[in-house]
N, C-alpha and C. Protein backbone atom coordinates (compact mmCIF):
# COMPACT_ATOMS: atom_id res chain seq x y z
N ARG A 1 -12.41 -14.00 -7.17
CA ARG A 1 -11.48 -13.22 -6.27
C ARG A 1 -11.35 -13.60 -5.44
N ARG A 2 -9.65 -13.04 -4.66
CA ARG A 2 -8.96 -13.19 -3.79
C ARG A 2 -9.76 -12.48 -2.93
N ARG A 3 -9.63 -11.78 -1.79
CA ARG A 3 -10.00 -11.75 -0.40
C ARG A 3 -8.43 -10.70 0.54
N HIS A 4 -8.92 -10.06 1.01
CA HIS A 4 -7.66 -10.26 1.78
C HIS A 4 -8.27 -10.15 3.60
N THR A 5 -7.99 -10.53 4.64
CA THR A 5 -7.79 -10.44 5.96
C THR A 5 -7.85 -8.88 6.28
N SER A 6 -7.87 -8.64 6.80
CA SER A 6 -7.64 -6.98 7.64
C SER A 6 -6.59 -7.06 8.10
N GLU A 7 -5.72 -7.99 8.68
CA GLU A 7 -4.74 -7.60 8.97
C GLU A 7 -3.70 -7.63 7.75
N GLN A 8 -4.12 -7.81 6.38
CA GLN A 8 -3.52 -7.73 5.65
C GLN A 8 -3.34 -6.41 4.83
N ILE A 9 -4.54 -6.00 4.94
CA ILE A 9 -5.08 -4.88 4.83
C ILE A 9 -4.59 -3.55 5.49
N ILE A 10 -4.57 -4.01 6.90
CA ILE A 10 -3.71 -2.73 8.01
C ILE A 10 -2.00 -3.03 7.47
N THR A 11 -1.57 -3.88 7.62
CA THR A 11 -0.13 -4.07 6.90
C THR A 11 0.62 -3.29 5.58
N VAL A 12 -0.24 -3.82 4.53
CA VAL A 12 0.01 -2.80 3.91
C VAL A 12 -0.72 -1.49 3.42
N LEU A 13 -1.28 -0.30 4.43
CA LEU A 13 -1.68 0.22 4.77
C LEU A 13 -0.61 0.60 5.33
N ARG A 14 0.37 -0.14 6.66
CA ARG A 14 1.00 0.65 7.07
C ARG A 14 2.33 0.54 6.50
N GLU A 15 3.10 0.50 5.48
CA GLU A 15 4.26 -0.16 4.70
C GLU A 15 3.77 1.40 3.94
N ALA A 16 2.68 1.44 3.55
CA ALA A 16 2.17 2.45 2.26
C ALA A 16 2.68 3.90 3.57
N GLU A 17 2.17 3.78 4.64
CA GLU A 17 2.66 4.77 4.71
C GLU A 17 3.91 5.26 5.89
N ALA A 18 4.67 4.55 6.05
CA ALA A 18 6.17 4.05 6.00
C ALA A 18 6.85 5.05 4.71
N GLY A 19 6.33 4.78 3.65
CA GLY A 19 7.37 4.99 2.59
C GLY A 19 6.81 6.50 2.65
N LEU A 20 4.80 7.14 1.88
CA LEU A 20 5.19 8.13 2.01
C LEU A 20 5.87 8.86 2.88
N ALA A 21 6.53 8.62 4.27
CA ALA A 21 6.99 9.60 5.15
C ALA A 21 8.46 9.26 4.83
N ASN A 22 9.22 8.95 3.81
CA ASN A 22 10.52 8.46 3.99
C ASN A 22 10.43 9.94 2.33
N GLY A 23 9.42 10.11 2.06
CA GLY A 23 9.99 10.85 1.06
C GLY A 23 9.59 10.16 0.10
N LYS A 24 9.08 9.33 -0.62
CA LYS A 24 8.15 8.32 -1.59
C LYS A 24 6.77 9.29 -1.65
N THR A 25 6.23 9.25 -3.58
CA THR A 25 5.27 9.40 -3.41
C THR A 25 4.14 8.48 -3.98
N VAL A 26 2.83 8.52 -3.83
CA VAL A 26 2.18 7.60 -3.74
C VAL A 26 2.13 6.45 -4.90
N ARG A 27 2.34 6.97 -5.85
CA ARG A 27 2.96 6.52 -7.58
C ARG A 27 3.99 5.87 -6.97
N MET A 28 5.19 5.68 -6.37
CA MET A 28 5.65 4.77 -6.05
C MET A 28 5.27 3.75 -5.09
N VAL A 29 5.22 4.29 -4.32
CA VAL A 29 4.30 3.06 -3.25
C VAL A 29 3.43 2.20 -3.26
N ILE A 30 2.65 2.87 -5.00
CA ILE A 30 2.04 1.54 -4.86
C ILE A 30 2.07 0.53 -6.02
N ARG A 31 3.25 1.01 -6.64
CA ARG A 31 3.62 0.62 -7.29
C ARG A 31 4.81 -0.99 -6.79
N GLU A 32 5.40 -0.30 -5.75
CA GLU A 32 6.12 -0.78 -5.22
C GLU A 32 5.68 -2.25 -4.13
N LEU A 33 4.14 -1.61 -4.18
CA LEU A 33 2.98 -3.50 -3.21
C LEU A 33 2.66 -3.56 -3.65
N GLY A 34 2.19 -3.46 -4.97
CA GLY A 34 2.04 -4.05 -6.35
C GLY A 34 0.27 -3.99 -5.68
N ILE A 35 -0.26 -2.85 -6.17
CA ILE A 35 -1.17 -2.39 -5.82
C ILE A 35 -1.69 -0.74 -6.19
N SER A 36 -3.50 -0.99 -6.55
CA SER A 36 -3.53 0.23 -8.01
C SER A 36 -4.08 1.92 -7.36
N GLU A 37 -3.93 2.18 -7.53
CA GLU A 37 -4.19 3.71 -7.23
C GLU A 37 -6.41 3.80 -6.83
N GLN A 38 -6.81 3.16 -7.39
CA GLN A 38 -7.75 2.92 -6.99
C GLN A 38 -7.62 1.99 -5.43
N THR A 39 -7.38 1.14 -5.22
CA THR A 39 -7.45 0.62 -4.59
C THR A 39 -6.79 0.96 -3.40
N TYR A 40 -5.66 1.86 -3.76
CA TYR A 40 -5.15 3.06 -2.30
C TYR A 40 -6.33 3.59 -1.49
């Protein structure tokens, strides 16, 4: 299994927050980021 660094995780979470702030749904954001809902 590949592990992500703390910096990579923070970057993805910031991108997700930005998407949600722009009116996207969680489902749309996680699909764009390539992560699962469980991961998010």
